[in-house]
Amino acid sequence: MSFQEEIQRPVRRTGLLEKIAAIAKGLYVTASEALTGQRVTQEYPEEHYVPYPRFRGRHILRRHENGLERCVG
């Protein structure tokens, strides 16, 4: 087979009704999750964020005494 020949691939034909049903299903899942799902937004003045006790705010690359990098994993 040369590069010039076309490769025949099966074409999947979906009907308009199947596409509308898929969109409706996606909208239903999104709407039900938005209306009944757990909220993760914090109301800042009323709810304060308490970080973990070991949280330091930035990554620091530490080295051994001989100059090699320590494992950060």
N, C-alpha and C. Protein backbone atom coordinates (compact mmCIF):
# COMPACT_ATOMS: atom_id res chain seq x y z
N MET A 1 0.86 -1.18 0.00
CA MET A 1 0.00 0.00 0.00
C MET A 1 0.90 1.23 0.00
N SER A 2 0.64 2.14 -0.88
CA SER A 2 1.44 3.36 -0.97
C SER A 2 0.78 4.47 -0.16
N PHE A 3 1.52 5.53 0.00
CA PHE A 3 0.99 6.67 0.75
C PHE A 3 -0.10 7.40 -0.01
N GLN A 4 -0.16 7.19 -1.29
CA GLN A 4 -1.13 7.88 -2.13
C GLN A 4 -2.54 7.30 -1.99
N GLU A 5 -2.63 6.03 -1.62
CA GLU A 5 -3.94 5.40 -1.54
C GLU A 5 -4.69 5.88 -0.29
N GLU A 6 -5.97 5.99 -0.45
CA GLU A 6 -6.79 6.39 0.68
C GLU A 6 -7.14 5.19 1.53
N ILE A 7 -7.14 5.38 2.82
CA ILE A 7 -7.53 4.32 3.73
C ILE A 7 -9.01 4.49 4.01
N GLN A 8 -9.75 3.43 3.78
CA GLN A 8 -11.19 3.48 3.99
C GLN A 8 -11.48 3.17 5.46
N ARG A 9 -12.04 4.12 6.17
CA ARG A 9 -12.42 3.95 7.56
C ARG A 9 -13.93 4.00 7.66
N PRO A 10 -14.50 3.21 8.57
CA PRO A 10 -15.95 3.26 8.72
C PRO A 10 -16.40 4.61 9.28
N VAL A 11 -17.47 5.12 8.73
CA VAL A 11 -18.00 6.40 9.17
C VAL A 11 -19.19 6.13 10.08
N ARG A 12 -19.15 6.69 11.27
CA ARG A 12 -20.26 6.50 12.19
C ARG A 12 -21.25 7.64 11.99
N ARG A 13 -22.43 7.27 11.66
CA ARG A 13 -23.47 8.27 11.43
C ARG A 13 -24.43 8.25 12.61
N THR A 14 -24.53 9.39 13.27
CA THR A 14 -25.46 9.50 14.39
C THR A 14 -26.61 10.40 13.96
N GLY A 15 -27.75 10.03 14.38
CA GLY A 15 -28.92 10.80 14.04
C GLY A 15 -29.05 12.04 14.90
N LEU A 16 -29.86 12.95 14.43
CA LEU A 16 -30.10 14.19 15.16
C LEU A 16 -30.72 13.92 16.51
N LEU A 17 -31.60 12.92 16.58
CA LEU A 17 -32.26 12.58 17.83
C LEU A 17 -31.25 12.07 18.87
N GLU A 18 -30.27 11.29 18.43
CA GLU A 18 -29.24 10.79 19.35
C GLU A 18 -28.39 11.93 19.89
N LYS A 19 -28.08 12.90 19.05
CA LYS A 19 -27.29 14.05 19.49
C LYS A 19 -28.05 14.90 20.50
N ILE A 20 -29.33 15.12 20.23
CA ILE A 20 -30.16 15.91 21.16
C ILE A 20 -30.31 15.17 22.48
N ALA A 21 -30.46 13.84 22.43
CA ALA A 21 -30.58 13.06 23.66
C ALA A 21 -29.29 13.13 24.48
N ALA A 22 -28.14 13.10 23.83
CA ALA A 22 -26.86 13.18 24.54
C ALA A 22 -26.69 14.55 25.19
N ILE A 23 -27.06 15.61 24.49
CA ILE A 23 -26.98 16.96 25.06
C ILE A 23 -27.94 17.10 26.24
N ALA A 24 -29.15 16.58 26.10
CA ALA A 24 -30.13 16.66 27.18
C ALA A 24 -29.66 15.90 28.41
N LYS A 25 -29.05 14.73 28.19
CA LYS A 25 -28.53 13.95 29.32
C LYS A 25 -27.42 14.71 30.04
N GLY A 26 -26.52 15.33 29.29
CA GLY A 26 -25.44 16.11 29.89
C GLY A 26 -25.97 17.30 30.67
N LEU A 27 -26.96 18.00 30.11
CA LEU A 27 -27.55 19.14 30.81
C LEU A 27 -28.27 18.70 32.08
N TYR A 28 -28.91 17.53 32.03
CA TYR A 28 -29.60 17.02 33.21
C TYR A 28 -28.61 16.72 34.33
N VAL A 29 -27.50 16.06 33.99
CA VAL A 29 -26.49 15.73 35.00
C VAL A 29 -25.90 17.00 35.59
N THR A 30 -25.59 17.97 34.75
CA THR A 30 -25.01 19.22 35.22
C THR A 30 -25.98 19.98 36.13
N ALA A 31 -27.24 20.07 35.72
CA ALA A 31 -28.23 20.80 36.50
C ALA A 31 -28.51 20.10 37.83
N SER A 32 -28.62 18.78 37.83
CA SER A 32 -28.91 18.08 39.07
C SER A 32 -27.73 18.20 40.04
N GLU A 33 -26.51 18.18 39.54
CA GLU A 33 -25.34 18.34 40.40
C GLU A 33 -25.26 19.76 40.94
N ALA A 34 -25.62 20.74 40.14
CA ALA A 34 -25.56 22.13 40.57
C ALA A 34 -26.63 22.43 41.62
N LEU A 35 -27.78 21.80 41.51
CA LEU A 35 -28.87 22.08 42.43
C LEU A 35 -28.79 21.28 43.72
N THR A 36 -28.31 20.04 43.65
CA THR A 36 -28.32 19.19 44.84
C THR A 36 -26.93 18.84 45.34
N GLY A 37 -25.88 19.22 44.63
CA GLY A 37 -24.53 18.85 45.03
C GLY A 37 -24.02 19.66 46.21
N GLN A 38 -22.92 19.20 46.78
CA GLN A 38 -22.32 19.87 47.92
C GLN A 38 -21.57 21.11 47.45
N ARG A 39 -21.74 22.19 48.14
CA ARG A 39 -21.06 23.43 47.80
C ARG A 39 -19.65 23.40 48.37
N VAL A 40 -18.68 23.87 47.61
CA VAL A 40 -17.30 23.89 48.09
C VAL A 40 -16.80 25.32 48.28
N THR A 41 -17.61 26.30 47.94
CA THR A 41 -17.21 27.69 48.09
C THR A 41 -17.28 28.09 49.56
N GLN A 42 -16.26 28.78 50.04
CA GLN A 42 -16.28 29.26 51.43
C GLN A 42 -16.66 30.73 51.43
N GLU A 43 -17.50 31.11 52.35
CA GLU A 43 -17.85 32.50 52.54
C GLU A 43 -16.77 33.11 53.41
N TYR A 44 -15.90 33.93 52.83
CA TYR A 44 -14.66 34.33 53.50
C TYR A 44 -14.83 35.00 54.86
N PRO A 45 -15.57 36.06 55.00
CA PRO A 45 -15.58 36.69 56.33
C PRO A 45 -16.17 35.79 57.41
N GLU A 46 -17.12 34.96 57.07
CA GLU A 46 -17.77 34.12 58.07
C GLU A 46 -16.97 32.84 58.33
N GLU A 47 -16.41 32.23 57.29
CA GLU A 47 -15.68 30.98 57.42
C GLU A 47 -14.22 31.23 57.10
N HIS A 48 -13.35 31.05 58.07
CA HIS A 48 -11.93 31.27 57.85
C HIS A 48 -11.26 29.97 57.45
N TYR A 49 -10.29 30.07 56.54
CA TYR A 49 -9.54 28.91 56.09
C TYR A 49 -8.41 28.63 57.08
N VAL A 50 -8.35 27.42 57.57
CA VAL A 50 -7.29 27.03 58.51
C VAL A 50 -6.36 26.08 57.76
N PRO A 51 -5.13 26.49 57.46
CA PRO A 51 -4.21 25.61 56.73
C PRO A 51 -3.72 24.48 57.62
N TYR A 52 -3.13 23.47 56.99
CA TYR A 52 -2.55 22.36 57.74
C TYR A 52 -1.41 22.88 58.61
N PRO A 53 -1.14 22.24 59.74
CA PRO A 53 -0.09 22.73 60.63
C PRO A 53 1.29 22.75 59.99
N ARG A 54 1.57 21.84 59.05
CA ARG A 54 2.89 21.78 58.43
C ARG A 54 3.00 22.65 57.18
N PHE A 55 1.95 23.35 56.80
CA PHE A 55 1.97 24.17 55.59
C PHE A 55 2.92 25.34 55.76
N ARG A 56 3.83 25.52 54.79
CA ARG A 56 4.79 26.61 54.86
C ARG A 56 4.63 27.61 53.72
N GLY A 57 3.82 27.29 52.73
CA GLY A 57 3.52 28.26 51.69
C GLY A 57 4.35 28.19 50.43
N ARG A 58 5.50 27.53 50.45
CA ARG A 58 6.28 27.42 49.23
C ARG A 58 7.19 26.20 49.31
N HIS A 59 7.62 25.74 48.15
CA HIS A 59 8.51 24.58 48.07
C HIS A 59 9.95 25.04 48.18
N ILE A 60 10.74 24.31 48.92
CA ILE A 60 12.15 24.63 49.07
C ILE A 60 12.95 23.39 48.71
N LEU A 61 13.93 23.54 47.82
CA LEU A 61 14.78 22.42 47.46
C LEU A 61 15.91 22.34 48.47
N ARG A 62 15.91 21.29 49.26
CA ARG A 62 16.92 21.12 50.30
C ARG A 62 18.04 20.23 49.78
N ARG A 63 19.24 20.38 50.34
CA ARG A 63 20.40 19.61 49.92
C ARG A 63 21.04 18.92 51.11
N HIS A 64 21.69 17.80 50.82
CA HIS A 64 22.49 17.10 51.84
C HIS A 64 23.77 17.90 52.09
N GLU A 65 24.54 17.47 53.11
CA GLU A 65 25.78 18.15 53.45
C GLU A 65 26.80 18.09 52.32
N ASN A 66 26.72 17.00 51.50
CA ASN A 66 27.69 16.85 50.41
C ASN A 66 27.24 17.56 49.13
N GLY A 67 26.13 18.28 49.15
CA GLY A 67 25.68 19.06 48.01
C GLY A 67 24.63 18.42 47.13
N LEU A 68 24.35 17.12 47.31
CA LEU A 68 23.35 16.45 46.49
C LEU A 68 21.94 16.88 46.94
N GLU A 69 21.02 16.87 45.98
CA GLU A 69 19.64 17.26 46.29
C GLU A 69 18.94 16.16 47.07
N ARG A 70 18.14 16.55 48.05
CA ARG A 70 17.36 15.59 48.81
C ARG A 70 16.13 15.20 48.00
N CYS A 71 15.59 14.04 48.31
CA CYS A 71 14.38 13.58 47.66
C CYS A 71 13.21 14.41 48.14
N VAL A 72 12.38 14.91 47.21
CA VAL A 72 11.23 15.71 47.60
C VAL A 72 9.94 14.94 47.43
N GLY A 73 10.05 13.67 47.01
CA GLY A 73 8.85 12.85 46.77
C GLY A 73 8.40 12.27 48.02
